[in-house]
Amino acid sequence: MNDESIESKAGRSIWMRGLLMILMAVTYQLVSALLLCVAVIQFVLALVSDGPNSRLMAFGRSLGRYQGQVANFVSFAVDEPPFPFADWPSID
């Protein structure tokens, strides 16, 4: 009976991870679109002001790191789900 409870917990855990993977894959696509918008805005600002915006650079860097965390989770490289289940990636 003990083995069955362990197997059922593992089965529920993999289904929960599958659900989280689907949600994270959708999030990855949304973040990709947001990153494209940031890149276009950054390009326009660089044309107008002769240089990139430092706050947009930091935001773009953190978005890229977040995408990496999502990709690692979805590909089973890590077990911990990324934001909003963990902290937002730091800029450092």
PDB file of N, CA and C in Angstrom:
ATOM      1  N   MET A   1       0.816  -1.189   0.000  1.00  0.00           N
ATOM      2  CA  MET A   1       0.000   0.000   0.000  1.00  0.00           C
ATOM      3  C   MET A   1       0.863   1.256   0.000  1.00  0.00           C
ATOM      4  N   ASN A   2       2.001   1.174   0.624  1.00  0.00           N
ATOM      5  CA  ASN A   2       2.910   2.299   0.669  1.00  0.00           C
ATOM      6  C   ASN A   2       3.467   2.613  -0.721  1.00  0.00           C
ATOM      7  N   ASP A   3       3.780   1.573  -1.503  1.00  0.00           N
ATOM      8  CA  ASP A   3       4.307   1.765  -2.852  1.00  0.00           C
ATOM      9  C   ASP A   3       3.275   2.420  -3.765  1.00  0.00           C
ATOM     10  N   GLU A   4       2.009   2.067  -3.585  1.00  0.00           N
ATOM     11  CA  GLU A   4       0.952   2.650  -4.415  1.00  0.00           C
ATOM     12  C   GLU A   4       0.798   4.141  -4.136  1.00  0.00           C
ATOM     13  N   SER A   5       0.901   4.525  -2.882  1.00  0.00           N
ATOM     14  CA  SER A   5       0.764   5.951  -2.559  1.00  0.00           C
ATOM     15  C   SER A   5       1.937   6.750  -3.121  1.00  0.00           C
ATOM     16  N   ILE A   6       3.118   6.172  -3.129  1.00  0.00           N
ATOM     17  CA  ILE A   6       4.282   6.855  -3.710  1.00  0.00           C
ATOM     18  C   ILE A   6       4.098   6.999  -5.213  1.00  0.00           C
ATOM     19  N   GLU A   7       3.609   5.939  -5.873  1.00  0.00           N
ATOM     20  CA  GLU A   7       3.397   5.999  -7.314  1.00  0.00           C
ATOM     21  C   GLU A   7       2.308   7.000  -7.675  1.00  0.00           C
ATOM     22  N   SER A   8       1.230   7.074  -6.868  1.00  0.00           N
ATOM     23  CA  SER A   8       0.166   8.026  -7.181  1.00  0.00           C
ATOM     24  C   SER A   8       0.637   9.462  -6.988  1.00  0.00           C
ATOM     25  N   LYS A   9       1.481   9.703  -5.981  1.00  0.00           N
ATOM     26  CA  LYS A   9       2.039  11.042  -5.791  1.00  0.00           C
ATOM     27  C   LYS A   9       2.956  11.411  -6.955  1.00  0.00           C
ATOM     28  N   ALA A  10       3.749  10.460  -7.417  1.00  0.00           N
ATOM     29  CA  ALA A  10       4.628  10.721  -8.552  1.00  0.00           C
ATOM     30  C   ALA A  10       3.811  10.969  -9.812  1.00  0.00           C
ATOM     31  N   GLY A  11       2.713  10.229  -9.987  1.00  0.00           N
ATOM     32  CA  GLY A  11       1.845  10.425 -11.143  1.00  0.00           C
ATOM     33  C   GLY A  11       1.191  11.799 -11.130  1.00  0.00           C
ATOM     34  N   ARG A  12       0.719  12.225  -9.966  1.00  0.00           N
ATOM     35  CA  ARG A  12       0.132  13.565  -9.851  1.00  0.00           C
ATOM     36  C   ARG A  12       1.183  14.635 -10.075  1.00  0.00           C
ATOM     37  N   SER A  13       2.378  14.381  -9.592  1.00  0.00           N
ATOM     38  CA  SER A  13       3.452  15.356  -9.731  1.00  0.00           C
ATOM     39  C   SER A  13       3.819  15.568 -11.195  1.00  0.00           C
ATOM     40  N   ILE A  14       3.883  14.501 -11.973  1.00  0.00           N
ATOM     41  CA  ILE A  14       4.238  14.637 -13.384  1.00  0.00           C
ATOM     42  C   ILE A  14       3.122  15.333 -14.154  1.00  0.00           C
ATOM     43  N   TRP A  15       1.854  15.088 -13.775  1.00  0.00           N
ATOM     44  CA  TRP A  15       0.750  15.781 -14.434  1.00  0.00           C
ATOM     45  C   TRP A  15       0.749  17.259 -14.078  1.00  0.00           C
ATOM     46  N   MET A  16       1.073  17.580 -12.838  1.00  0.00           N
ATOM     47  CA  MET A  16       1.155  18.980 -12.433  1.00  0.00           C
ATOM     48  C   MET A  16       2.295  19.674 -13.178  1.00  0.00           C
ATOM     49  N   ARG A  17       3.412  18.970 -13.308  1.00  0.00           N
ATOM     50  CA  ARG A  17       4.533  19.544 -14.059  1.00  0.00           C
ATOM     51  C   ARG A  17       4.136  19.743 -15.524  1.00  0.00           C
ATOM     52  N   GLY A  18       3.400  18.808 -16.088  1.00  0.00           N
ATOM     53  CA  GLY A  18       2.945  18.949 -17.467  1.00  0.00           C
ATOM     54  C   GLY A  18       2.068  20.175 -17.650  1.00  0.00           C
ATOM     55  N   LEU A  19       1.173  20.408 -16.690  1.00  0.00           N
ATOM     56  CA  LEU A  19       0.334  21.600 -16.743  1.00  0.00           C
ATOM     57  C   LEU A  19       1.182  22.865 -16.641  1.00  0.00           C
ATOM     58  N   LEU A  20       2.131  22.859 -15.710  1.00  0.00           N
ATOM     59  CA  LEU A  20       3.019  24.007 -15.572  1.00  0.00           C
ATOM     60  C   LEU A  20       3.865  24.216 -16.829  1.00  0.00           C
ATOM     61  N   MET A  21       4.274  23.144 -17.465  1.00  0.00           N
ATOM     62  CA  MET A  21       5.063  23.255 -18.697  1.00  0.00           C
ATOM     63  C   MET A  21       4.256  23.926 -19.804  1.00  0.00           C
ATOM     64  N   ILE A  22       2.982  23.574 -19.902  1.00  0.00           N
ATOM     65  CA  ILE A  22       2.126  24.205 -20.914  1.00  0.00           C
ATOM     66  C   ILE A  22       1.974  25.691 -20.615  1.00  0.00           C
ATOM     67  N   LEU A  23       1.712  26.027 -19.354  1.00  0.00           N
ATOM     68  CA  LEU A  23       1.577  27.431 -18.969  1.00  0.00           C
ATOM     69  C   LEU A  23       2.881  28.200 -19.206  1.00  0.00           C
ATOM     70  N   MET A  24       4.005  27.582 -18.899  1.00  0.00           N
ATOM     71  CA  MET A  24       5.297  28.239 -19.100  1.00  0.00           C
ATOM     72  C   MET A  24       5.625  28.391 -20.585  1.00  0.00           C
ATOM     73  N   ALA A  25       5.187  27.447 -21.407  1.00  0.00           N
ATOM     74  CA  ALA A  25       5.412  27.561 -22.852  1.00  0.00           C
ATOM     75  C   ALA A  25       4.620  28.734 -23.430  1.00  0.00           C
ATOM     76  N   VAL A  26       3.390  28.919 -22.943  1.00  0.00           N
ATOM     77  CA  VAL A  26       2.592  30.077 -23.364  1.00  0.00           C
ATOM     78  C   VAL A  26       3.264  31.359 -22.879  1.00  0.00           C
ATOM     79  N   THR A  27       3.737  31.348 -21.643  1.00  0.00           N
ATOM     80  CA  THR A  27       4.440  32.501 -21.093  1.00  0.00           C
ATOM     81  C   THR A  27       5.672  32.830 -21.909  1.00  0.00           C
ATOM     82  N   TYR A  28       6.394  31.803 -22.353  1.00  0.00           N
ATOM     83  CA  TYR A  28       7.592  32.005 -23.170  1.00  0.00           C
ATOM     84  C   TYR A  28       7.240  32.767 -24.447  1.00  0.00           C
ATOM     85  N   GLN A  29       6.130  32.404 -25.070  1.00  0.00           N
ATOM     86  CA  GLN A  29       5.715  33.083 -26.293  1.00  0.00           C
ATOM     87  C   GLN A  29       5.341  34.535 -26.022  1.00  0.00           C
ATOM     88  N   LEU A  30       4.654  34.783 -24.926  1.00  0.00           N
ATOM     89  CA  LEU A  30       4.290  36.153 -24.573  1.00  0.00           C
ATOM     90  C   LEU A  30       5.528  36.998 -24.278  1.00  0.00           C
ATOM     91  N   VAL A  31       6.476  36.422 -23.568  1.00  0.00           N
ATOM     92  CA  VAL A  31       7.713  37.141 -23.263  1.00  0.00           C
ATOM     93  C   VAL A  31       8.507  37.402 -24.542  1.00  0.00           C
ATOM     94  N   SER A  32       8.462  36.474 -25.484  1.00  0.00           N
ATOM     95  CA  SER A  32       9.140  36.685 -26.771  1.00  0.00           C
ATOM     96  C   SER A  32       8.555  37.890 -27.498  1.00  0.00           C
ATOM     97  N   ALA A  33       7.242  38.002 -27.498  1.00  0.00           N
ATOM     98  CA  ALA A  33       6.596  39.150 -28.132  1.00  0.00           C
ATOM     99  C   ALA A  33       6.950  40.443 -27.400  1.00  0.00           C
ATOM    100  N   LEU A  34       6.972  40.404 -26.094  1.00  0.00           N
ATOM    101  CA  LEU A  34       7.342  41.580 -25.315  1.00  0.00           C
ATOM    102  C   LEU A  34       8.790  41.982 -25.578  1.00  0.00           C
ATOM    103  N   LEU A  35       9.664  40.993 -25.682  1.00  0.00           N
ATOM    104  CA  LEU A  35      11.068  41.272 -25.963  1.00  0.00           C
ATOM    105  C   LEU A  35      11.239  41.896 -27.346  1.00  0.00           C
ATOM    106  N   LEU A  36      10.447  41.458 -28.297  1.00  0.00           N
ATOM    107  CA  LEU A  36      10.478  42.068 -29.629  1.00  0.00           C
ATOM    108  C   LEU A  36      10.048  43.530 -29.552  1.00  0.00           C
ATOM    109  N   CYS A  37       9.014  43.817 -28.793  1.00  0.00           N
ATOM    110  CA  CYS A  37       8.566  45.207 -28.620  1.00  0.00           C
ATOM    111  C   CYS A  37       9.656  46.052 -27.966  1.00  0.00           C
ATOM    112  N   VAL A  38      10.296  45.507 -26.948  1.00  0.00           N
ATOM    113  CA  VAL A  38      11.384  46.226 -26.282  1.00  0.00           C
ATOM    114  C   VAL A  38      12.519  46.490 -27.265  1.00  0.00           C
ATOM    115  N   ALA A  39      12.838  45.521 -28.103  1.00  0.00           N
ATOM    116  CA  ALA A  39      13.909  45.693 -29.075  1.00  0.00           C
ATOM    117  C   ALA A  39      13.576  46.789 -30.082  1.00  0.00           C
ATOM    118  N   VAL A  40      12.345  46.826 -30.547  1.00  0.00           N
ATOM    119  CA  VAL A  40      11.941  47.856 -31.517  1.00  0.00           C
ATOM    120  C   VAL A  40      11.973  49.235 -30.855  1.00  0.00           C
ATOM    121  N   ILE A  41      11.443  49.337 -29.651  1.00  0.00           N
ATOM    122  CA  ILE A  41      11.462  50.616 -28.931  1.00  0.00           C
ATOM    123  C   ILE A  41      12.903  51.057 -28.671  1.00  0.00           C
ATOM    124  N   GLN A  42      13.735  50.120 -28.278  1.00  0.00           N
ATOM    125  CA  GLN A  42      15.139  50.435 -28.020  1.00  0.00           C
ATOM    126  C   GLN A  42      15.827  50.929 -29.290  1.00  0.00           C
ATOM    127  N   PHE A  43      15.526  50.309 -30.420  1.00  0.00           N
ATOM    128  CA  PHE A  43      16.116  50.722 -31.689  1.00  0.00           C
ATOM    129  C   PHE A  43      15.692  52.144 -32.044  1.00  0.00           C
ATOM    130  N   VAL A  44      14.406  52.421 -31.898  1.00  0.00           N
ATOM    131  CA  VAL A  44      13.901  53.771 -32.206  1.00  0.00           C
ATOM    132  C   VAL A  44      14.530  54.797 -31.268  1.00  0.00           C
ATOM    133  N   LEU A  45      14.605  54.477 -29.988  1.00  0.00           N
ATOM    134  CA  LEU A  45      15.225  55.402 -29.042  1.00  0.00           C
ATOM    135  C   LEU A  45      16.704  55.608 -29.341  1.00  0.00           C
ATOM    136  N   ALA A  46      17.377  54.561 -29.767  1.00  0.00           N
ATOM    137  CA  ALA A  46      18.793  54.687 -30.114  1.00  0.00           C
ATOM    138  C   ALA A  46      18.979  55.578 -31.339  1.00  0.00           C
ATOM    139  N   LEU A  47      18.050  55.511 -32.295  1.00  0.00           N
ATOM    140  CA  LEU A  47      18.115  56.383 -33.463  1.00  0.00           C
ATOM    141  C   LEU A  47      17.898  57.842 -33.080  1.00  0.00           C
ATOM    142  N   VAL A  48      16.946  58.079 -32.200  1.00  0.00           N
ATOM    143  CA  VAL A  48      16.568  59.438 -31.838  1.00  0.00           C
ATOM    144  C   VAL A  48      17.571  60.075 -30.875  1.00  0.00           C
ATOM    145  N   SER A  49      18.031  59.307 -29.898  1.00  0.00           N
ATOM    146  CA  SER A  49      18.858  59.895 -28.838  1.00  0.00           C
ATOM    147  C   SER A  49      20.329  59.503 -28.912  1.00  0.00           C
ATOM    148  N   ASP A  50      20.778  58.940 -29.993  1.00  0.00           N
ATOM    149  CA  ASP A  50      22.184  58.570 -30.200  1.00  0.00           C
ATOM    150  C   ASP A  50      22.719  57.563 -29.191  1.00  0.00           C
ATOM    151  N   GLY A  51      21.873  56.716 -28.655  1.00  0.00           N
ATOM    152  CA  GLY A  51      22.330  55.684 -27.734  1.00  0.00           C
ATOM    153  C   GLY A  51      21.159  54.926 -27.142  1.00  0.00           C
ATOM    154  N   PRO A  52      21.404  53.716 -26.668  1.00  0.00           N
ATOM    155  CA  PRO A  52      20.327  52.916 -26.089  1.00  0.00           C
ATOM    156  C   PRO A  52      19.940  53.408 -24.694  1.00  0.00           C
ATOM    157  N   ASN A  53      18.726  53.110 -24.300  1.00  0.00           N
ATOM    158  CA  ASN A  53      18.205  53.460 -22.986  1.00  0.00           C
ATOM    159  C   ASN A  53      18.692  52.422 -21.980  1.00  0.00           C
ATOM    160  N   SER A  54      19.334  52.865 -20.914  1.00  0.00           N
ATOM    161  CA  SER A  54      19.927  51.921 -19.956  1.00  0.00           C
ATOM    162  C   SER A  54      18.863  51.116 -19.196  1.00  0.00           C
ATOM    163  N   ARG A  55      17.722  51.731 -18.893  1.00  0.00           N
ATOM    164  CA  ARG A  55      16.676  50.987 -18.185  1.00  0.00           C
ATOM    165  C   ARG A  55      16.052  49.924 -19.078  1.00  0.00           C
ATOM    166  N   LEU A  56      15.879  50.237 -20.356  1.00  0.00           N
ATOM    167  CA  LEU A  56      15.375  49.221 -21.286  1.00  0.00           C
ATOM    168  C   LEU A  56      16.395  48.109 -21.490  1.00  0.00           C
ATOM    169  N   MET A  57      17.680  48.470 -21.470  1.00  0.00           N
ATOM    170  CA  MET A  57      18.714  47.429 -21.572  1.00  0.00           C
ATOM    171  C   MET A  57      18.615  46.454 -20.403  1.00  0.00           C
ATOM    172  N   ALA A  58      18.456  46.981 -19.198  1.00  0.00           N
ATOM    173  CA  ALA A  58      18.354  46.134 -18.009  1.00  0.00           C
ATOM    174  C   ALA A  58      17.090  45.285 -18.060  1.00  0.00           C
ATOM    175  N   PHE A  59      15.985  45.888 -18.493  1.00  0.00           N
ATOM    176  CA  PHE A  59      14.735  45.146 -18.590  1.00  0.00           C
ATOM    177  C   PHE A  59      14.843  44.034 -19.642  1.00  0.00           C
ATOM    178  N   GLY A  60      15.433  44.343 -20.774  1.00  0.00           N
ATOM    179  CA  GLY A  60      15.628  43.333 -21.817  1.00  0.00           C
ATOM    180  C   GLY A  60      16.525  42.195 -21.353  1.00  0.00           C
ATOM    181  N   ARG A  61      17.564  42.540 -20.593  1.00  0.00           N
ATOM    182  CA  ARG A  61      18.460  41.515 -20.059  1.00  0.00           C
ATOM    183  C   ARG A  61      17.715  40.599 -19.094  1.00  0.00           C
ATOM    184  N   SER A  62      16.878  41.174 -18.228  1.00  0.00           N
ATOM    185  CA  SER A  62      16.134  40.332 -17.278  1.00  0.00           C
ATOM    186  C   SER A  62      15.073  39.501 -18.004  1.00  0.00           C
ATOM    187  N   LEU A  63      14.474  40.040 -19.071  1.00  0.00           N
ATOM    188  CA  LEU A  63      13.527  39.243 -19.865  1.00  0.00           C
ATOM    189  C   LEU A  63      14.229  38.053 -20.511  1.00  0.00           C
ATOM    190  N   GLY A  64      15.431  38.287 -21.027  1.00  0.00           N
ATOM    191  CA  GLY A  64      16.192  37.198 -21.632  1.00  0.00           C
ATOM    192  C   GLY A  64      16.544  36.116 -20.633  1.00  0.00           C
ATOM    193  N   ARG A  65      16.917  36.528 -19.431  1.00  0.00           N
ATOM    194  CA  ARG A  65      17.227  35.542 -18.392  1.00  0.00           C
ATOM    195  C   ARG A  65      15.977  34.760 -17.989  1.00  0.00           C
ATOM    196  N   TYR A  66      14.845  35.462 -17.938  1.00  0.00           N
ATOM    197  CA  TYR A  66      13.591  34.784 -17.619  1.00  0.00           C
ATOM    198  C   TYR A  66      13.240  33.759 -18.691  1.00  0.00           C
ATOM    199  N   GLN A  67      13.436  34.125 -19.953  1.00  0.00           N
ATOM    200  CA  GLN A  67      13.187  33.168 -21.033  1.00  0.00           C
ATOM    201  C   GLN A  67      14.081  31.950 -20.888  1.00  0.00           C
ATOM    202  N   GLY A  68      15.314  32.160 -20.500  1.00  0.00           N
ATOM    203  CA  GLY A  68      16.219  31.037 -20.269  1.00  0.00           C
ATOM    204  C   GLY A  68      15.741  30.136 -19.153  1.00  0.00           C
ATOM    205  N   GLN A  69      15.244  30.738 -18.069  1.00  0.00           N
ATOM    206  CA  GLN A  69      14.712  29.944 -16.966  1.00  0.00           C
ATOM    207  C   GLN A  69      13.499  29.131 -17.404  1.00  0.00           C
ATOM    208  N   VAL A  70      12.631  29.747 -18.192  1.00  0.00           N
ATOM    209  CA  VAL A  70      11.451  29.038 -18.685  1.00  0.00           C
ATOM    210  C   VAL A  70      11.877  27.887 -19.583  1.00  0.00           C
ATOM    211  N   ALA A  71      12.820  28.142 -20.485  1.00  0.00           N
ATOM    212  CA  ALA A  71      13.292  27.087 -21.384  1.00  0.00           C
ATOM    213  C   ALA A  71      13.921  25.939 -20.601  1.00  0.00           C
ATOM    214  N   ASN A  72      14.683  26.250 -19.566  1.00  0.00           N
ATOM    215  CA  ASN A  72      15.284  25.202 -18.739  1.00  0.00           C
ATOM    216  C   ASN A  72      14.223  24.369 -18.032  1.00  0.00           C
ATOM    217  N   PHE A  73      13.173  25.012 -17.543  1.00  0.00           N
ATOM    218  CA  PHE A  73      12.110  24.273 -16.860  1.00  0.00           C
ATOM    219  C   PHE A  73      11.348  23.386 -17.830  1.00  0.00           C
ATOM    220  N   VAL A  74      10.989  23.931 -18.979  1.00  0.00           N
ATOM    221  CA  VAL A  74      10.194  23.172 -19.953  1.00  0.00           C
ATOM    222  C   VAL A  74      10.980  21.990 -20.514  1.00  0.00           C
ATOM    223  N   SER A  75      12.289  22.131 -20.617  1.00  0.00           N
ATOM    224  CA  SER A  75      13.111  21.052 -21.170  1.00  0.00           C
ATOM    225  C   SER A  75      13.626  20.080 -20.103  1.00  0.00           C
ATOM    226  N   PHE A  76      13.109  20.210 -18.868  1.00  0.00           N
ATOM    227  CA  PHE A  76      13.487  19.337 -17.745  1.00  0.00           C
ATOM    228  C   PHE A  76      14.936  19.522 -17.316  1.00  0.00           C
ATOM    229  N   ALA A  77      15.562  20.639 -17.668  1.00  0.00           N
ATOM    230  CA  ALA A  77      16.933  20.887 -17.227  1.00  0.00           C
ATOM    231  C   ALA A  77      16.977  21.250 -15.742  1.00  0.00           C
ATOM    232  N   VAL A  78      15.893  21.867 -15.258  1.00  0.00           N
ATOM    233  CA  VAL A  78      15.762  22.184 -13.834  1.00  0.00           C
ATOM    234  C   VAL A  78      14.383  21.743 -13.359  1.00  0.00           C
ATOM    235  N   ASP A  79      14.261  21.546 -12.048  1.00  0.00           N
ATOM    236  CA  ASP A  79      12.985  21.096 -11.485  1.00  0.00           C
ATOM    237  C   ASP A  79      12.138  22.237 -10.940  1.00  0.00           C
ATOM    238  N   GLU A  80      12.770  23.352 -10.588  1.00  0.00           N
ATOM    239  CA  GLU A  80      12.019  24.463 -10.003  1.00  0.00           C
ATOM    240  C   GLU A  80      11.403  25.333 -11.093  1.00  0.00           C
ATOM    241  N   PRO A  81      10.106  25.595 -11.006  1.00  0.00           N
ATOM    242  CA  PRO A  81       9.483  26.479 -12.001  1.00  0.00           C
ATOM    243  C   PRO A  81       9.935  27.929 -11.797  1.00  0.00           C
ATOM    244  N   PRO A  82      10.005  28.697 -12.868  1.00  0.00           N
ATOM    245  CA  PRO A  82      10.430  30.095 -12.759  1.00  0.00           C
ATOM    246  C   PRO A  82       9.311  30.998 -12.250  1.00  0.00           C
ATOM    247  N   PHE A  83       9.539  32.302 -12.304  1.00  0.00           N
ATOM    248  CA  PHE A  83       8.550  33.296 -11.896  1.00  0.00           C
ATOM    249  C   PHE A  83       7.207  32.965 -12.528  1.00  0.00           C
ATOM    250  N   PRO A  84       6.122  32.987 -11.840  1.00  0.00           N
ATOM    251  CA  PRO A  84       5.791  33.571 -10.551  1.00  0.00           C
ATOM    252  C   PRO A  84       5.952  32.617  -9.377  1.00  0.00           C
ATOM    253  N   PHE A  85       6.532  31.460  -9.597  1.00  0.00           N
ATOM    254  CA  PHE A  85       6.735  30.495  -8.524  1.00  0.00           C
ATOM    255  C   PHE A  85       8.076  30.681  -7.847  1.00  0.00           C
ATOM    256  N   ALA A  86       8.906  31.553  -8.381  1.00  0.00           N
ATOM    257  CA  ALA A  86      10.207  31.901  -7.822  1.00  0.00           C
ATOM    258  C   ALA A  86      10.408  33.396  -8.038  1.00  0.00           C
ATOM    259  N   ASP A  87      11.538  33.904  -7.583  1.00  0.00           N
ATOM    260  CA  ASP A  87      11.826  35.320  -7.762  1.00  0.00           C
ATOM    261  C   ASP A  87      12.131  35.634  -9.219  1.00  0.00           C
ATOM    262  N   TRP A  88      11.870  36.889  -9.598  1.00  0.00           N
ATOM    263  CA  TRP A  88      12.220  37.368 -10.935  1.00  0.00           C
ATOM    264  C   TRP A  88      13.735  37.358 -11.054  1.00  0.00           C
ATOM    265  N   PRO A  89      14.286  36.980 -12.219  1.00  0.00           N
ATOM    266  CA  PRO A  89      15.745  36.932 -12.336  1.00  0.00           C
ATOM    267  C   PRO A  89      16.384  38.315 -12.153  1.00  0.00           C
ATOM    268  N   SER A  90      17.505  38.314 -11.464  1.00  0.00           N
ATOM    269  CA  SER A  90      18.186  39.584 -11.197  1.00  0.00           C
ATOM    270  C   SER A  90      18.896  40.081 -12.462  1.00  0.00           C
ATOM    271  N   ILE A  91      19.221  41.350 -12.444  1.00  0.00           N
ATOM    272  CA  ILE A  91      19.880  41.972 -13.598  1.00  0.00           C
ATOM    273  C   ILE A  91      21.371  41.674 -13.583  1.00  0.00           C
ATOM    274  N   ASP A  92      21.938  41.369 -12.442  1.00  0.00           N
ATOM    275  CA  ASP A  92      23.385  41.121 -12.336  1.00  0.00           C
ATOM    276  C   ASP A  92      23.829  39.987 -13.198  1.00  0.00           C
TER     277      ASP A  92
END
